């Protein structure tokens, strides 16, 4: 530090100062450091500019939450489909005449071998 800059602070009493963030994080949020590509930052900053203001970090948080909720709904739908298909398969195993289709052989290709 330059001598002139350090002398300004000599008169300030730091004896009761505390280390750490000056502004506390909102409840339910945690301050982190993350590296994002420039393209991601530009995209969200442009969104804020087009909207006439706001916070790009809030936009990133909203996009991540939306992804989580969409993914969760998709996983739930897949689970329901698996359960339904499993019960459908079990029903067909008990009663092969319902919905069961015999496998069809493919026509012979060049050289007389089945494809």
C-alpha atoms as a PDB file:
ATOM      1  CA  UNK A   1       0.000   0.000   0.000  1.00  0.00           C
ATOM      2  CA  UNK A   2       1.273   3.478  -0.770  1.00  0.00           C
ATOM      3  CA  UNK A   3       2.248   5.630   2.158  1.00  0.00           C
ATOM      4  CA  UNK A   4      -0.386   8.288   1.391  1.00  0.00           C
ATOM      5  CA  UNK A   5      -3.227   5.792   1.200  1.00  0.00           C
ATOM      6  CA  UNK A   6      -2.248   4.075   4.454  1.00  0.00           C
ATOM      7  CA  UNK A   7      -2.051   7.324   6.398  1.00  0.00           C
ATOM      8  CA  UNK A   8      -5.764   8.036   5.783  1.00  0.00           C
ATOM      9  CA  UNK A   9      -6.714   4.954   7.780  1.00  0.00           C
ATOM     10  CA  UNK A  10      -4.393   5.500  10.740  1.00  0.00           C
ATOM     11  CA  UNK A  11      -6.949   7.720  12.462  1.00  0.00           C
ATOM     12  CA  UNK A  12      -9.775   5.164  12.156  1.00  0.00           C
ATOM     13  CA  UNK A  13     -10.272   2.875  15.158  1.00  0.00           C
ATOM     14  CA  UNK A  14     -10.608  -0.704  13.885  1.00  0.00           C
ATOM     15  CA  UNK A  15     -10.375  -2.286  17.350  1.00  0.00           C
ATOM     16  CA  UNK A  16     -14.086  -3.267  17.399  1.00  0.00           C
ATOM     17  CA  UNK A  17     -14.324  -4.141  13.699  1.00  0.00           C
ATOM     18  CA  UNK A  18     -15.555  -7.558  12.646  1.00  0.00           C
ATOM     19  CA  UNK A  19     -14.497  -9.586   9.656  1.00  0.00           C
ATOM     20  CA  UNK A  20     -17.057 -10.858   7.186  1.00  0.00           C
ATOM     21  CA  UNK A  21     -19.765  -9.640   4.895  1.00  0.00           C
ATOM     22  CA  UNK A  22     -21.164  -6.194   5.531  1.00  0.00           C
ATOM     23  CA  UNK A  23     -24.509  -7.094   3.989  1.00  0.00           C
ATOM     24  CA  UNK A  24     -26.062 -10.287   5.308  1.00  0.00           C
ATOM     25  CA  UNK A  25     -27.516 -12.759   2.808  1.00  0.00           C
ATOM     26  CA  UNK A  26     -31.292 -12.999   2.526  1.00  0.00           C
ATOM     27  CA  UNK A  27     -32.898 -15.908   4.389  1.00  0.00           C
ATOM     28  CA  UNK A  28     -32.953 -18.979   2.165  1.00  0.00           C
ATOM     29  CA  UNK A  29     -30.058 -17.772   0.033  1.00  0.00           C
ATOM     30  CA  UNK A  30     -26.328 -18.451   0.213  1.00  0.00           C
ATOM     31  CA  UNK A  31     -23.602 -16.266  -1.208  1.00  0.00           C
ATOM     32  CA  UNK A  32     -21.301 -18.239  -3.508  1.00  0.00           C
ATOM     33  CA  UNK A  33     -18.685 -17.607  -6.126  1.00  0.00           C
ATOM     34  CA  UNK A  34     -19.299 -19.263  -9.494  1.00  0.00           C
ATOM     35  CA  UNK A  35     -17.607 -19.084 -12.881  1.00  0.00           C
ATOM     36  CA  UNK A  36     -19.987 -18.702 -15.814  1.00  0.00           C
ATOM     37  CA  UNK A  37     -19.218 -18.299 -19.476  1.00  0.00           C
ATOM     38  CA  UNK A  38     -19.291 -14.791 -20.888  1.00  0.00           C
ATOM     39  CA  UNK A  39     -22.140 -15.825 -23.203  1.00  0.00           C
ATOM     40  CA  UNK A  40     -24.317 -16.785 -20.213  1.00  0.00           C
ATOM     41  CA  UNK A  41     -23.647 -13.483 -18.445  1.00  0.00           C
ATOM     42  CA  UNK A  42     -24.279 -11.460 -21.604  1.00  0.00           C
ATOM     43  CA  UNK A  43     -27.574 -13.294 -22.190  1.00  0.00           C
ATOM     44  CA  UNK A  44     -28.942 -12.605 -18.697  1.00  0.00           C
ATOM     45  CA  UNK A  45     -27.641  -9.026 -18.594  1.00  0.00           C
ATOM     46  CA  UNK A  46     -29.301  -8.376 -21.971  1.00  0.00           C
ATOM     47  CA  UNK A  47     -32.553  -9.791 -20.603  1.00  0.00           C
ATOM     48  CA  UNK A  48     -32.403  -7.351 -17.708  1.00  0.00           C
ATOM     49  CA  UNK A  49     -31.677  -4.456 -20.073  1.00  0.00           C
ATOM     50  CA  UNK A  50     -34.602  -5.397 -22.347  1.00  0.00           C
ATOM     51  CA  UNK A  51     -36.892  -5.681 -19.316  1.00  0.00           C
ATOM     52  CA  UNK A  52     -35.933  -2.151 -18.274  1.00  0.00           C
ATOM     53  CA  UNK A  53     -34.092  -3.138 -15.108  1.00  0.00           C
ATOM     54  CA  UNK A  54     -33.690  -5.813 -12.534  1.00  0.00           C
ATOM     55  CA  UNK A  55     -30.908  -8.096 -11.422  1.00  0.00           C
ATOM     56  CA  UNK A  56     -29.207 -10.568 -13.727  1.00  0.00           C
ATOM     57  CA  UNK A  57     -28.329 -12.801 -10.765  1.00  0.00           C
ATOM     58  CA  UNK A  58     -32.017 -13.078  -9.893  1.00  0.00           C
ATOM     59  CA  UNK A  59     -32.731 -14.032 -13.523  1.00  0.00           C
ATOM     60  CA  UNK A  60     -30.082 -16.768 -13.393  1.00  0.00           C
ATOM     61  CA  UNK A  61     -31.565 -18.056 -10.117  1.00  0.00           C
ATOM     62  CA  UNK A  62     -35.078 -18.098 -11.648  1.00  0.00           C
ATOM     63  CA  UNK A  63     -33.808 -19.999 -14.708  1.00  0.00           C
ATOM     64  CA  UNK A  64     -32.121 -22.612 -12.508  1.00  0.00           C
ATOM     65  CA  UNK A  65     -35.247 -23.048 -10.352  1.00  0.00           C
ATOM     66  CA  UNK A  66     -37.401 -23.412 -13.482  1.00  0.00           C
ATOM     67  CA  UNK A  67     -35.036 -26.093 -14.778  1.00  0.00           C
ATOM     68  CA  UNK A  68     -35.229 -27.974 -11.470  1.00  0.00           C
ATOM     69  CA  UNK A  69     -39.041 -27.875 -11.412  1.00  0.00           C
ATOM     70  CA  UNK A  70     -39.336 -28.894 -15.076  1.00  0.00           C
ATOM     71  CA  UNK A  71     -36.863 -31.727 -14.564  1.00  0.00           C
ATOM     72  CA  UNK A  72     -38.717 -32.865 -11.450  1.00  0.00           C
ATOM     73  CA  UNK A  73     -42.040 -32.919 -13.335  1.00  0.00           C
ATOM     74  CA  UNK A  74     -40.438 -34.838 -16.207  1.00  0.00           C
ATOM     75  CA  UNK A  75     -38.962 -37.414 -13.807  1.00  0.00           C
ATOM     76  CA  UNK A  76     -42.364 -37.811 -12.127  1.00  0.00           C
ATOM     77  CA  UNK A  77     -44.060 -38.348 -15.493  1.00  0.00           C
ATOM     78  CA  UNK A  78     -41.454 -40.952 -16.475  1.00  0.00           C
ATOM     79  CA  UNK A  79     -42.034 -42.814 -13.198  1.00  0.00           C
ATOM     80  CA  UNK A  80     -45.808 -42.869 -13.749  1.00  0.00           C
ATOM     81  CA  UNK A  81     -45.325 -44.145 -17.302  1.00  0.00           C
ATOM     82  CA  UNK A  82     -42.920 -46.861 -16.121  1.00  0.00           C
ATOM     83  CA  UNK A  83     -45.419 -48.031 -13.502  1.00  0.00           C
ATOM     84  CA  UNK A  84     -48.304 -48.026 -15.991  1.00  0.00           C
ATOM     85  CA  UNK A  85     -46.279 -49.861 -18.628  1.00  0.00           C
ATOM     86  CA  UNK A  86     -45.095 -52.394 -16.058  1.00  0.00           C
ATOM     87  CA  UNK A  87     -48.681 -53.151 -15.005  1.00  0.00           C
ATOM     88  CA  UNK A  88     -49.697 -53.348 -18.671  1.00  0.00           C
ATOM     89  CA  UNK A  89     -46.860 -55.825 -19.296  1.00  0.00           C
ATOM     90  CA  UNK A  90     -47.868 -57.913 -16.278  1.00  0.00           C
ATOM     91  CA  UNK A  91     -51.481 -57.972 -17.482  1.00  0.00           C
ATOM     92  CA  UNK A  92     -50.387 -59.150 -20.938  1.00  0.00           C
ATOM     93  CA  UNK A  93     -48.245 -61.885 -19.393  1.00  0.00           C
ATOM     94  CA  UNK A  94     -51.341 -63.280 -17.644  1.00  0.00           C
ATOM     95  CA  UNK A  95     -53.553 -62.918 -20.744  1.00  0.00           C
ATOM     96  CA  UNK A  96     -51.432 -63.138 -23.929  1.00  0.00           C
ATOM     97  CA  UNK A  97     -54.432 -62.608 -26.227  1.00  0.00           C
ATOM     98  CA  UNK A  98     -54.851 -58.998 -25.030  1.00  0.00           C
ATOM     99  CA  UNK A  99     -52.587 -56.567 -26.782  1.00  0.00           C
ATOM    100  CA  UNK A 100     -49.808 -59.000 -27.541  1.00  0.00           C
ATOM    101  CA  UNK A 101     -48.504 -58.762 -31.084  1.00  0.00           C
ATOM    102  CA  UNK A 102     -46.446 -61.563 -32.617  1.00  0.00           C
ATOM    103  CA  UNK A 103     -43.024 -60.506 -33.808  1.00  0.00           C
ATOM    104  CA  UNK A 104     -42.824 -60.122 -37.540  1.00  0.00           C
ATOM    105  CA  UNK A 105     -39.773 -61.313 -39.371  1.00  0.00           C
ATOM    106  CA  UNK A 106     -38.172 -58.834 -41.695  1.00  0.00           C
ATOM    107  CA  UNK A 107     -37.895 -59.631 -45.367  1.00  0.00           C
ATOM    108  CA  UNK A 108     -34.642 -61.117 -46.581  1.00  0.00           C
ATOM    109  CA  UNK A 109     -32.155 -58.540 -47.781  1.00  0.00           C
ATOM    110  CA  UNK A 110     -29.370 -58.873 -50.311  1.00  0.00           C
ATOM    111  CA  UNK A 111     -27.591 -62.200 -50.046  1.00  0.00           C
ATOM    112  CA  UNK A 112     -30.711 -63.929 -48.706  1.00  0.00           C
ATOM    113  CA  UNK A 113     -30.082 -62.988 -45.048  1.00  0.00           C
ATOM    114  CA  UNK A 114     -32.793 -61.518 -42.869  1.00  0.00           C
ATOM    115  CA  UNK A 115     -32.197 -57.904 -41.904  1.00  0.00           C
END
